[in-house]
N, C-alpha and C. Protein backbone atom coordinates (compact mmCIF):
# COMPACT_ATOMS: atom_id res chain seq x y z
N UNK A 1 112.37 101.17 80.82
CA UNK A 1 110.93 101.32 80.98
C UNK A 1 110.60 102.82 80.93
N UNK A 2 109.68 103.19 80.10
CA UNK A 2 109.31 104.60 79.92
C UNK A 2 108.10 104.94 80.80
N UNK A 3 108.34 105.58 81.93
CA UNK A 3 107.29 105.91 82.89
C UNK A 3 106.55 107.17 82.42
N UNK A 4 105.22 107.09 82.36
CA UNK A 4 104.41 108.23 81.91
C UNK A 4 104.04 109.17 83.06
N UNK A 5 103.87 108.61 84.25
CA UNK A 5 103.47 109.42 85.41
C UNK A 5 104.08 108.80 86.66
N UNK A 6 104.51 109.67 87.59
CA UNK A 6 105.08 109.18 88.84
C UNK A 6 104.29 109.76 90.01
N UNK A 7 104.10 108.92 91.01
CA UNK A 7 103.32 109.30 92.18
C UNK A 7 104.15 109.03 93.43
N UNK A 8 104.35 110.05 94.25
CA UNK A 8 105.11 109.90 95.49
C UNK A 8 104.13 109.82 96.65
N UNK A 9 104.01 108.63 97.23
CA UNK A 9 103.09 108.45 98.36
C UNK A 9 103.86 108.13 99.64
N UNK A 10 105.12 108.55 99.70
CA UNK A 10 105.93 108.31 100.91
C UNK A 10 105.26 108.95 102.12
N UNK A 11 105.24 108.21 103.22
CA UNK A 11 104.65 108.72 104.46
C UNK A 11 103.17 108.44 104.59
N UNK A 12 102.55 107.96 103.54
CA UNK A 12 101.12 107.64 103.59
C UNK A 12 100.93 106.15 103.83
N UNK A 13 99.94 105.81 104.64
CA UNK A 13 99.64 104.41 104.92
C UNK A 13 98.39 103.97 104.19
N UNK A 14 98.23 102.66 104.07
CA UNK A 14 97.07 102.06 103.44
C UNK A 14 95.79 102.66 104.03
N UNK A 15 94.83 102.99 103.22
CA UNK A 15 94.70 102.73 101.79
C UNK A 15 95.09 103.91 100.90
N UNK A 16 95.70 104.95 101.44
CA UNK A 16 95.98 106.15 100.65
C UNK A 16 96.84 105.93 99.41
N UNK A 17 97.93 105.15 99.45
CA UNK A 17 98.68 104.93 98.21
C UNK A 17 97.83 104.32 97.09
N UNK A 18 96.98 103.37 97.47
CA UNK A 18 96.10 102.72 96.48
C UNK A 18 95.08 103.73 95.93
N UNK A 19 94.48 104.50 96.81
CA UNK A 19 93.48 105.48 96.37
C UNK A 19 94.09 106.52 95.44
N UNK A 20 95.28 106.99 95.76
CA UNK A 20 95.96 107.97 94.90
C UNK A 20 96.34 107.36 93.56
N UNK A 21 96.76 106.09 93.58
CA UNK A 21 97.10 105.40 92.33
C UNK A 21 95.86 105.21 91.47
N UNK A 22 94.75 104.85 92.10
CA UNK A 22 93.49 104.66 91.37
C UNK A 22 93.08 105.95 90.67
N UNK A 23 93.19 107.07 91.38
CA UNK A 23 92.84 108.38 90.82
C UNK A 23 93.77 108.74 89.66
N UNK A 24 95.06 108.50 89.85
CA UNK A 24 96.04 108.81 88.80
C UNK A 24 95.79 107.96 87.55
N UNK A 25 95.51 106.67 87.73
CA UNK A 25 95.26 105.78 86.60
C UNK A 25 94.01 106.19 85.82
N UNK A 26 93.03 106.73 86.51
CA UNK A 26 91.79 107.16 85.85
C UNK A 26 92.05 108.28 84.85
N UNK A 27 93.10 109.07 85.08
CA UNK A 27 93.43 110.19 84.20
C UNK A 27 94.43 109.81 83.11
N UNK A 28 94.80 108.52 83.05
CA UNK A 28 95.82 108.08 82.10
C UNK A 28 95.18 107.31 80.94
N UNK A 29 95.94 107.21 79.85
CA UNK A 29 95.49 106.46 78.68
C UNK A 29 95.88 104.99 78.81
N UNK A 30 95.15 104.12 78.13
CA UNK A 30 95.44 102.70 78.13
C UNK A 30 96.88 102.45 77.67
N UNK A 31 97.61 101.61 78.40
CA UNK A 31 98.98 101.27 78.05
C UNK A 31 100.04 102.15 78.70
N UNK A 32 99.63 103.26 79.31
CA UNK A 32 100.59 104.14 79.97
C UNK A 32 101.05 103.53 81.30
N UNK A 33 102.25 103.92 81.72
CA UNK A 33 102.83 103.36 82.95
C UNK A 33 102.83 104.38 84.08
N UNK A 34 102.42 103.90 85.26
CA UNK A 34 102.41 104.70 86.48
C UNK A 34 103.40 104.09 87.46
N UNK A 35 104.31 104.93 87.97
CA UNK A 35 105.27 104.49 88.98
C UNK A 35 104.85 105.09 90.31
N UNK A 36 104.65 104.23 91.30
CA UNK A 36 104.24 104.68 92.63
C UNK A 36 105.36 104.35 93.62
N UNK A 37 105.79 105.36 94.38
CA UNK A 37 106.82 105.16 95.41
C UNK A 37 106.13 105.30 96.77
N UNK A 38 106.30 104.29 97.61
CA UNK A 38 105.62 104.25 98.90
C UNK A 38 106.60 103.84 100.00
N UNK A 39 106.31 104.23 101.22
CA UNK A 39 107.10 103.77 102.37
C UNK A 39 106.30 102.77 103.21
N UNK A 40 105.08 102.46 102.79
CA UNK A 40 104.21 101.52 103.49
C UNK A 40 104.62 100.10 103.12
N UNK A 41 105.12 99.33 104.09
CA UNK A 41 105.58 97.97 103.80
C UNK A 41 104.46 97.05 103.32
N UNK A 42 103.23 97.37 103.67
CA UNK A 42 102.08 96.58 103.20
C UNK A 42 101.70 96.87 101.77
N UNK A 43 102.31 97.89 101.18
CA UNK A 43 101.92 98.29 99.82
C UNK A 43 102.25 97.22 98.79
N UNK A 44 103.24 96.38 99.05
CA UNK A 44 103.59 95.33 98.10
C UNK A 44 102.41 94.40 97.86
N UNK A 45 101.82 93.88 98.91
CA UNK A 45 100.66 92.99 98.74
C UNK A 45 99.42 93.77 98.32
N UNK A 46 99.31 95.02 98.78
CA UNK A 46 98.15 95.85 98.41
C UNK A 46 98.09 96.10 96.91
N UNK A 47 99.24 96.43 96.31
CA UNK A 47 99.26 96.71 94.87
C UNK A 47 99.07 95.43 94.05
N UNK A 48 99.52 94.31 94.57
CA UNK A 48 99.29 93.03 93.91
C UNK A 48 97.78 92.75 93.84
N UNK A 49 97.10 92.92 94.97
CA UNK A 49 95.65 92.70 95.02
C UNK A 49 94.91 93.73 94.17
N UNK A 50 95.36 94.98 94.21
CA UNK A 50 94.74 96.06 93.43
C UNK A 50 94.80 95.75 91.94
N UNK A 51 95.95 95.28 91.48
CA UNK A 51 96.12 94.95 90.06
C UNK A 51 95.17 93.83 89.65
N UNK A 52 95.07 92.81 90.47
CA UNK A 52 94.17 91.69 90.17
C UNK A 52 92.71 92.14 90.11
N UNK A 53 92.32 93.00 91.04
CA UNK A 53 90.92 93.45 91.12
C UNK A 53 90.53 94.40 89.99
N UNK A 54 91.48 95.22 89.53
CA UNK A 54 91.14 96.26 88.56
C UNK A 54 91.49 95.91 87.13
N UNK A 55 92.32 94.90 86.92
CA UNK A 55 92.72 94.54 85.56
C UNK A 55 93.91 95.33 85.05
N UNK A 56 94.44 96.24 85.87
CA UNK A 56 95.67 96.94 85.50
C UNK A 56 96.83 95.97 85.75
N UNK A 57 97.84 96.03 84.89
CA UNK A 57 98.95 95.08 85.00
C UNK A 57 100.05 95.61 85.91
N UNK A 58 100.45 94.80 86.88
CA UNK A 58 101.56 95.14 87.76
C UNK A 58 102.83 94.70 87.05
N UNK A 59 103.56 95.67 86.49
CA UNK A 59 104.73 95.38 85.66
C UNK A 59 105.95 95.03 86.49
N UNK A 60 106.09 95.71 87.64
CA UNK A 60 107.31 95.55 88.43
C UNK A 60 107.08 96.01 89.87
N UNK A 61 107.75 95.34 90.79
CA UNK A 61 107.79 95.78 92.19
C UNK A 61 109.23 95.64 92.66
N UNK A 62 109.72 96.64 93.38
CA UNK A 62 111.08 96.58 93.90
C UNK A 62 111.17 97.41 95.18
N UNK A 63 112.28 97.24 95.88
CA UNK A 63 112.53 98.06 97.06
C UNK A 63 113.88 98.75 96.89
N UNK A 64 113.94 99.96 97.41
CA UNK A 64 115.18 100.74 97.36
C UNK A 64 115.28 101.49 98.68
N UNK A 65 116.17 101.03 99.55
CA UNK A 65 116.24 101.62 100.88
C UNK A 65 114.93 101.33 101.61
N UNK A 66 114.24 102.37 102.06
CA UNK A 66 112.95 102.20 102.72
C UNK A 66 111.77 102.43 101.78
N UNK A 67 112.05 102.56 100.47
CA UNK A 67 110.99 102.81 99.49
C UNK A 67 110.56 101.52 98.81
N UNK A 68 109.25 101.41 98.61
CA UNK A 68 108.67 100.30 97.87
C UNK A 68 108.15 100.90 96.56
N UNK A 69 108.64 100.37 95.45
CA UNK A 69 108.34 100.95 94.14
C UNK A 69 107.46 99.98 93.34
N UNK A 70 106.38 100.51 92.80
CA UNK A 70 105.42 99.71 92.04
C UNK A 70 105.21 100.37 90.69
N UNK A 71 105.21 99.58 89.63
CA UNK A 71 104.94 100.11 88.30
C UNK A 71 103.71 99.40 87.76
N UNK A 72 102.68 100.18 87.47
CA UNK A 72 101.42 99.66 86.94
C UNK A 72 101.21 100.12 85.51
N UNK A 73 100.66 99.22 84.70
CA UNK A 73 100.30 99.55 83.32
C UNK A 73 98.79 99.69 83.24
N UNK A 74 98.36 100.86 82.79
CA UNK A 74 96.92 101.16 82.69
C UNK A 74 96.25 100.20 81.71
N UNK A 75 95.15 99.60 82.12
CA UNK A 75 94.45 98.66 81.23
C UNK A 75 93.77 99.38 80.09
């Protein structure tokens, strides 16, 4: 997977990871991929809901240690 932009939101709680992702996606071109790394355990469901509401595609979600990783495709 070719990531176009990465966002580190470790240590931030809801809604900050979502708000930072929204801002980052606004500066990206359609089809580009954004990888967001978060330590907020609620971010998994938050990014699922965010993708449904905004039309951006949630390509992948995974966990690595205490990190929750989300990959979004800009609509």
